[in-house]
N, C-alpha and C. Protein backbone atom coordinates (compact mmCIF):
# COMPACT_ATOMS: atom_id res chain seq x y z
N MET A 1 -8.78 24.38 -7.16
CA MET A 1 -8.65 24.28 -8.92
C MET A 1 -7.75 23.19 -9.18
N ASN A 2 -9.17 22.07 -10.14
CA ASN A 2 -9.35 20.31 -10.45
C ASN A 2 -7.93 20.14 -11.48
N ILE A 3 -7.07 19.31 -10.74
CA ILE A 3 -6.09 19.15 -11.96
C ILE A 3 -6.46 17.36 -12.53
N THR A 4 -7.06 17.31 -13.47
CA THR A 4 -7.21 15.56 -14.14
C THR A 4 -5.54 16.24 -14.04
N LEU A 5 -5.74 14.12 -13.18
CA LEU A 5 -4.46 13.73 -13.02
C LEU A 5 -4.21 12.42 -13.64
N THR A 6 -3.06 12.06 -14.84
CA THR A 6 -2.73 12.16 -15.73
C THR A 6 -1.92 10.69 -15.75
N SER A 7 -0.90 11.11 -14.24
CA SER A 7 0.73 11.07 -14.63
C SER A 7 1.31 11.32 -12.57
N VAL A 8 2.28 10.74 -12.75
CA VAL A 8 3.28 11.24 -11.78
C VAL A 8 3.83 12.67 -12.27
N LEU A 9 3.65 12.92 -13.35
CA LEU A 9 4.13 14.95 -13.05
C LEU A 9 3.01 16.06 -12.60
N ASP A 10 2.16 15.03 -13.06
CA ASP A 10 1.08 16.07 -13.01
C ASP A 10 0.83 16.69 -11.25
N ALA A 11 1.28 14.81 -10.71
CA ALA A 11 0.80 15.33 -8.61
C ALA A 11 2.75 15.99 -8.60
N GLY A 12 3.27 15.90 -9.17
CA GLY A 12 4.88 16.54 -8.84
C GLY A 12 4.72 17.66 -9.10
N VAL A 13 3.91 17.66 -10.07
CA VAL A 13 3.75 20.36 -10.40
C VAL A 13 3.00 20.35 -9.84
N ALA A 14 2.18 19.55 -9.02
CA ALA A 14 1.35 20.02 -7.83
C ALA A 14 1.59 19.93 -6.42
N VAL A 15 3.24 19.25 -5.92
CA VAL A 15 3.23 19.31 -4.71
C VAL A 15 4.63 21.09 -5.00
N ARG A 16 5.10 20.88 -6.00
CA ARG A 16 6.27 21.28 -5.97
C ARG A 16 5.66 23.07 -6.18
N THR A 17 4.31 23.32 -7.09
CA THR A 17 3.66 24.47 -6.92
C THR A 17 3.38 25.18 -5.06
N LEU A 18 2.93 23.21 -4.22
CA LEU A 18 2.54 24.26 -4.00
C LEU A 18 3.52 24.27 -2.59
N ARG A 19 4.84 23.54 -1.95
CA ARG A 19 5.37 23.29 -1.03
C ARG A 19 6.68 24.60 -2.33
N LYS A 20 6.74 25.17 -3.19
CA LYS A 20 7.07 26.80 -3.53
C LYS A 20 6.10 27.49 -2.72
N ARG A 21 4.70 27.95 -3.49
CA ARG A 21 4.43 28.99 -2.90
C ARG A 21 4.37 28.51 -0.87
N ALA A 22 4.60 27.90 -0.43
CA ALA A 22 4.93 27.69 1.42
C ALA A 22 6.56 27.98 1.39
N GLY A 23 7.31 28.31 0.44
CA GLY A 23 8.43 28.60 1.22
C GLY A 23 9.35 27.76 1.36
N ILE A 24 9.40 26.00 1.59
CA ILE A 24 9.51 25.44 1.75
C ILE A 24 10.36 24.73 1.15
N ARG A 25 11.87 24.81 1.09
CA ARG A 25 12.69 24.14 0.33
C ARG A 25 12.90 22.67 0.56
N ILE A 26 13.48 21.56 -0.35
CA ILE A 26 12.26 20.17 -0.82
C ILE A 26 13.58 19.64 0.40
N ASP A 27 14.26 19.34 0.90
CA ASP A 27 15.51 18.68 1.29
C ASP A 27 13.94 19.17 3.61
N ASP A 28 13.75 19.91 3.17
CA ASP A 28 13.47 20.75 4.54
C ASP A 28 12.41 19.62 4.43
N PHE A 29 11.20 20.17 3.48
CA PHE A 29 9.83 18.69 3.50
C PHE A 29 10.60 17.70 3.03
N ALA A 30 11.45 17.28 2.48
CA ALA A 30 11.33 15.47 2.59
C ALA A 30 11.15 15.24 4.11
N LEU A 31 11.85 15.91 4.65
CA LEU A 31 12.48 15.47 6.14
C LEU A 31 10.33 15.54 6.98
N THR A 32 10.35 17.06 6.92
CA THR A 32 8.93 17.02 7.59
C THR A 32 7.57 16.00 7.20
N ALA A 33 7.79 15.31 5.81
CA ALA A 33 7.12 14.49 5.26
C ALA A 33 7.55 13.26 5.59
N GLY A 34 8.32 12.61 6.12
CA GLY A 34 9.48 11.79 5.95
C GLY A 34 9.32 11.25 5.44
N VAL A 35 9.54 11.10 4.38
CA VAL A 35 10.47 10.90 3.04
C VAL A 35 11.97 11.55 2.71
N SER A 36 12.79 10.74 1.41
CA SER A 36 14.43 10.98 1.36
C SER A 36 13.66 12.48 0.45
N LYS A 37 14.78 12.70 0.13
CA LYS A 37 15.28 14.13 -0.26
C LYS A 37 14.66 13.68 -2.00
N GLN A 38 16.04 12.46 -1.98
CA GLN A 38 15.82 11.35 -3.85
C GLN A 38 14.06 12.10 -3.96
N PHE A 39 13.11 11.03 -3.54
CA PHE A 39 12.55 10.57 -3.64
C PHE A 39 10.83 12.12 -3.72
N MET A 40 10.94 13.19 -2.83
CA MET A 40 10.81 14.45 -3.42
C MET A 40 10.90 14.75 -4.97
N THR A 41 12.59 14.29 -4.66
CA THR A 41 13.03 14.75 -6.42
C THR A 41 12.42 14.41 -7.63
N ASP A 42 12.21 12.69 -7.85
CA ASP A 42 11.63 12.19 -7.78
C ASP A 42 10.69 12.54 -8.69
N LEU A 43 9.62 12.38 -7.60
CA LEU A 43 8.68 13.23 -7.44
C LEU A 43 7.57 14.39 -8.51
N GLU A 44 8.71 15.30 -8.25
CA GLU A 44 8.22 16.48 -8.78
C GLU A 44 9.02 16.59 -10.33
N ASN A 45 10.06 15.69 -10.87
CA ASN A 45 10.73 15.58 -11.88
C ASN A 45 9.23 14.93 -12.35
N GLY A 46 8.54 13.33 -11.79
CA GLY A 46 7.48 12.60 -12.25
C GLY A 46 7.55 11.80 -13.03
N LYS A 47 9.54 10.60 -12.39
CA LYS A 47 9.77 10.34 -12.48
C LYS A 47 8.17 8.78 -12.24
N ALA A 48 8.27 7.48 -13.16
CA ALA A 48 7.26 7.22 -13.46
C ALA A 48 6.52 6.45 -12.53
N THR A 49 8.19 5.78 -11.76
CA THR A 49 8.23 4.44 -11.28
C THR A 49 8.28 4.71 -9.10
N ILE A 50 7.84 6.10 -8.80
CA ILE A 50 7.96 6.00 -7.88
C ILE A 50 6.88 5.61 -7.33
N GLN A 51 6.79 5.41 -6.21
CA GLN A 51 6.15 4.39 -5.29
C GLN A 51 3.63 5.33 -5.07
N MET A 52 3.43 4.68 -5.28
CA MET A 52 2.36 5.43 -5.08
C MET A 52 1.24 6.11 -4.10
N GLY A 53 2.16 4.69 -2.79
CA GLY A 53 1.53 5.13 -1.39
C GLY A 53 2.12 6.15 -1.06
N MET A 54 3.50 6.62 -1.37
CA MET A 54 3.24 7.39 -0.65
C MET A 54 3.22 8.81 -1.38
N VAL A 55 3.44 8.64 -2.20
CA VAL A 55 2.13 10.34 -2.59
C VAL A 55 1.55 10.06 -2.61
N LEU A 56 0.71 9.07 -3.19
CA LEU A 56 -0.79 9.56 -1.65
C LEU A 56 -0.68 10.42 0.10
N GLN A 57 0.38 9.40 0.63
CA GLN A 57 0.80 10.44 2.01
C GLN A 57 0.95 11.82 2.11
N LEU A 58 1.77 11.45 1.10
CA LEU A 58 2.63 12.57 0.88
C LEU A 58 1.54 14.02 0.37
N LEU A 59 0.42 13.96 -0.71
CA LEU A 59 -0.67 15.00 -1.53
C LEU A 59 -1.78 14.99 0.06
N HIS A 60 -1.63 14.02 1.08
CA HIS A 60 -2.74 13.43 2.09
C HIS A 60 -1.87 15.01 3.06
N ARG A 61 -0.83 15.14 2.98
CA ARG A 61 0.30 15.57 4.12
C ARG A 61 -0.34 17.47 4.32
N LEU A 62 -0.23 17.10 2.95
CA LEU A 62 -0.71 18.77 2.12
C LEU A 62 -1.61 19.36 1.74
N GLY A 63 -2.80 18.49 2.34
CA GLY A 63 -4.02 18.75 2.86
C GLY A 63 -4.92 19.08 1.41
N VAL A 64 -4.19 18.12 -0.18
CA VAL A 64 -4.10 17.54 -1.29
C VAL A 64 -5.99 16.50 -0.89
N LYS A 65 -6.40 16.86 -1.95
CA LYS A 65 -8.16 15.48 -1.78
C LYS A 65 -7.29 14.81 -2.88
N LEU A 66 -7.67 13.61 -3.04
CA LEU A 66 -7.61 13.31 -5.04
C LEU A 66 -9.40 12.41 -4.44
N ALA A 67 -9.55 12.38 -5.81
CA ALA A 67 -11.20 11.80 -6.25
C ALA A 67 -10.81 10.53 -7.31
N LEU A 68 -11.25 9.68 -6.77
CA LEU A 68 -11.32 8.89 -8.66
C LEU A 68 -12.91 8.67 -9.13
N GLU A 69 -13.27 9.30 -10.02
CA GLU A 69 -14.35 9.69 -10.46
C GLU A 69 -14.99 8.10 -11.65
N LEU A 70 -15.55 7.64 -11.05
CA LEU A 70 -15.95 5.48 -12.00
C LEU A 70 -17.54 6.50 -12.14
N PRO A 71 -17.97 5.44 -13.90
CA PRO A 71 -19.18 5.73 -13.97
C PRO A 71 -20.30 4.96 -12.87
N ASP A 72 -21.13 5.71 -12.18
CA ASP A 72 -22.01 5.30 -11.58
C ASP A 72 -22.56 4.06 -12.10
N SER A 73 -22.89 3.46 -12.69
CA SER A 73 -22.59 1.92 -13.13
C SER A 73 -22.22 0.87 -12.43
N GLU A 74 -20.93 1.42 -11.70
CA GLU A 74 -19.62 0.73 -11.25
C GLU A 74 -19.39 0.72 -9.73
N GLY A 75 -20.65 1.80 -9.02
CA GLY A 75 -20.68 1.63 -7.51
C GLY A 75 -20.74 -0.04 -6.56
N ALA A 76 -21.96 0.14 -7.05
CA ALA A 76 -22.05 -1.06 -6.54
C ALA A 76 -20.80 -2.61 -6.17
N SER A 77 -20.71 -2.73 -8.02
CA SER A 77 -19.36 -4.10 -8.25
C SER A 77 -17.95 -2.62 -7.13
N TYR A 78 -18.06 -1.26 -7.06
CA TYR A 78 -16.58 -0.86 -6.84
C TYR A 78 -16.77 -1.57 -5.15
N ARG A 79 -17.80 -1.64 -4.74
CA ARG A 79 -18.20 -0.98 -2.95
C ARG A 79 -17.93 -2.82 -2.93
N ASP A 80 -18.90 -4.28 -3.61
CA ASP A 80 -17.71 -5.20 -3.87
C ASP A 80 -15.86 -5.62 -3.49
N GLU A 81 -15.98 -5.07 -5.10
CA GLU A 81 -13.86 -5.23 -4.75
C GLU A 81 -13.88 -4.64 -3.54
N MET A 82 -14.04 -3.59 -3.72
CA MET A 82 -13.26 -3.07 -1.84
C MET A 82 -13.66 -3.89 -0.42
N SER A 83 -14.28 -4.75 -0.70
CA SER A 83 -14.96 -4.44 0.43
C SER A 83 -14.19 -6.31 0.69
N LYS A 84 -14.07 -7.27 -0.48
CA LYS A 84 -13.64 -8.00 -0.48
C LYS A 84 -11.89 -7.40 -0.41
N ALA A 85 -11.48 -6.50 -1.03
CA ALA A 85 -9.84 -6.72 -0.98
C ALA A 85 -9.67 -5.78 0.76
N LEU A 86 -10.33 -5.38 1.66
CA LEU A 86 -10.47 -5.38 2.69
C LEU A 86 -10.09 -6.33 3.63
N SER A 87 -10.95 -7.51 3.73
CA SER A 87 -10.46 -8.89 4.24
C SER A 87 -9.40 -9.38 4.11
N ARG A 88 -9.11 -9.21 2.55
CA ARG A 88 -7.66 -9.72 2.06
C ARG A 88 -6.53 -9.24 2.97
N GLN A 89 -6.19 -7.93 2.78
CA GLN A 89 -6.03 -7.27 3.76
C GLN A 89 -5.79 -7.36 4.99
N ALA A 90 -6.80 -7.35 6.15
CA ALA A 90 -7.54 -8.04 7.15
C ALA A 90 -6.84 -9.40 7.60
N LEU A 91 -6.93 -10.05 6.89
CA LEU A 91 -5.53 -11.37 6.93
C LEU A 91 -4.25 -11.51 6.95
N ARG A 92 -3.84 -10.46 5.55
CA ARG A 92 -2.60 -10.48 5.44
C ARG A 92 -1.89 -10.05 6.64
N THR A 93 -2.71 -9.32 7.24
CA THR A 93 -2.05 -7.89 8.95
C THR A 93 -2.47 -9.26 9.89
N ASN A 94 -3.72 -9.93 9.90
CA ASN A 94 -3.58 -10.74 11.21
C ASN A 94 -4.46 -12.50 10.97
N PRO A 95 -3.23 -13.28 10.55
CA PRO A 95 -3.56 -14.61 10.03
C PRO A 95 -3.72 -15.51 10.78
N ARG A 96 -3.99 -14.61 12.18
CA ARG A 96 -5.25 -15.95 13.43
C ARG A 96 -6.29 -16.18 12.47
N ARG A 97 -7.85 -14.56 12.02
CA ARG A 97 -8.28 -14.99 11.80
C ARG A 97 -8.91 -15.54 10.53
N ARG A 98 -7.41 -16.45 9.33
CA ARG A 98 -8.20 -17.51 9.27
C ARG A 98 -8.53 -18.41 8.99
N THR A 99 -9.60 -19.07 8.82
CA THR A 99 -10.95 -19.98 9.09
C THR A 99 -9.98 -21.12 8.01
N ASN A 100 -9.48 -21.36 7.57
CA ASN A 100 -9.03 -22.94 6.90
C ASN A 100 -7.76 -23.07 6.07
N GLN A 101 -6.94 -23.06 7.87
CA GLN A 101 -6.00 -23.24 8.34
C GLN A 101 -5.46 -23.64 8.04
N LYS A 102 -4.54 -24.52 8.25
CA LYS A 102 -3.82 -26.01 8.91
C LYS A 102 -3.32 -26.16 9.47
N ARG A 103 -2.99 -26.94 10.63
CA ARG A 103 -2.29 -27.04 11.32
C ARG A 103 -0.91 -27.80 11.33
N PRO A 104 -0.22 -26.74 11.83
CA PRO A 104 1.54 -26.98 11.30
C PRO A 104 1.90 -29.25 11.93
N ILE A 105 2.31 -29.97 11.10
CA ILE A 105 3.02 -30.64 10.98
C ILE A 105 4.00 -30.33 13.11
N PRO A 106 3.83 -31.56 14.32
CA PRO A 106 4.52 -32.13 14.91
C PRO A 106 5.70 -32.01 14.02
N ALA A 107 7.44 -32.14 14.61
CA ALA A 107 8.20 -32.48 14.71
C ALA A 107 9.10 -32.84 16.13
N ASN A 108 9.80 -34.23 16.23
CA ASN A 108 10.33 -33.90 17.20
C ASN A 108 11.71 -33.75 17.77
N ASP A 109 11.91 -34.18 18.16
CA ASP A 109 13.39 -33.52 18.92
C ASP A 109 14.13 -33.68 17.97
N ARG A 110 14.48 -33.58 16.76
CA ARG A 110 15.33 -33.65 16.31
C ARG A 110 15.20 -32.41 14.26
N GLY A 111 13.73 -32.36 14.30
CA GLY A 111 13.16 -31.14 14.27
C GLY A 111 13.01 -32.16 12.52
N SER A 112 12.69 -33.36 12.73
CA SER A 112 12.31 -34.98 11.30
C SER A 112 10.62 -34.64 11.93
N ILE A 113 10.47 -34.80 10.59
CA ILE A 113 8.23 -35.16 11.52
C ILE A 113 8.74 -37.24 11.47
N GLU A 114 8.05 -36.96 12.40
CA GLU A 114 7.59 -38.56 13.01
C GLU A 114 6.16 -39.52 12.25
N ALA A 115 6.10 -40.07 11.45
CA ALA A 115 5.41 -40.19 10.87
C ALA A 115 4.74 -41.76 11.47
N ASP A 116 3.33 -41.59 11.28
CA ASP A 116 3.01 -43.20 12.18
C ASP A 116 3.17 -44.34 11.38
N PRO A 117 4.50 -45.21 12.14
CA PRO A 117 4.94 -46.56 11.42
C PRO A 117 4.07 -47.58 10.95
N ALA A 118 2.87 -47.89 11.00
CA ALA A 118 1.54 -48.32 10.49
C ALA A 118 1.51 -47.95 9.47
N THR A 119 1.06 -46.34 9.02
CA THR A 119 0.41 -46.08 8.34
C THR A 119 1.74 -44.93 7.20
N GLY A 120 2.77 -44.35 8.00
CA GLY A 120 3.37 -43.52 7.68
C GLY A 120 2.80 -42.13 7.31
N ASP A 121 1.58 -41.68 7.91
CA ASP A 121 0.50 -40.44 8.59
C ASP A 121 0.91 -40.09 9.50
N PRO A 122 1.97 -38.43 8.93
CA PRO A 122 2.04 -37.53 9.63
C PRO A 122 1.52 -37.14 10.99
N ASP A 123 0.32 -37.32 10.43
CA ASP A 123 -0.36 -36.46 11.56
C ASP A 123 -1.12 -37.68 12.66
N ALA A 124 -1.18 -38.77 12.44
CA ALA A 124 -1.50 -39.86 13.48
C ALA A 124 -0.27 -39.82 14.61
């Protein structure tokens, strides 16, 4: 069955349906899924401020596949934006990969910056 996902409630009702059909109590499922019982309650009740990343992980653990249907004309733009986003994410997780990082300013024993007395340049 395909369900158009338009709200957190849509996802929450789907999760509740699958959980109940499997005969799993909400607190047991929360423990197994690695989320709090409150998170599960909020999701199943459609709380709009629920964390999307956790919802996606939970749906994946339930075997629910999600797909976004973009117009065919946006495919190339999407791939380009995804490539940029993955590059940014890689830089955040591994800051040593940055090529334009400024070198740190050296400090003396007292923690203050030593500058060249003639020019005032801390890099001298």
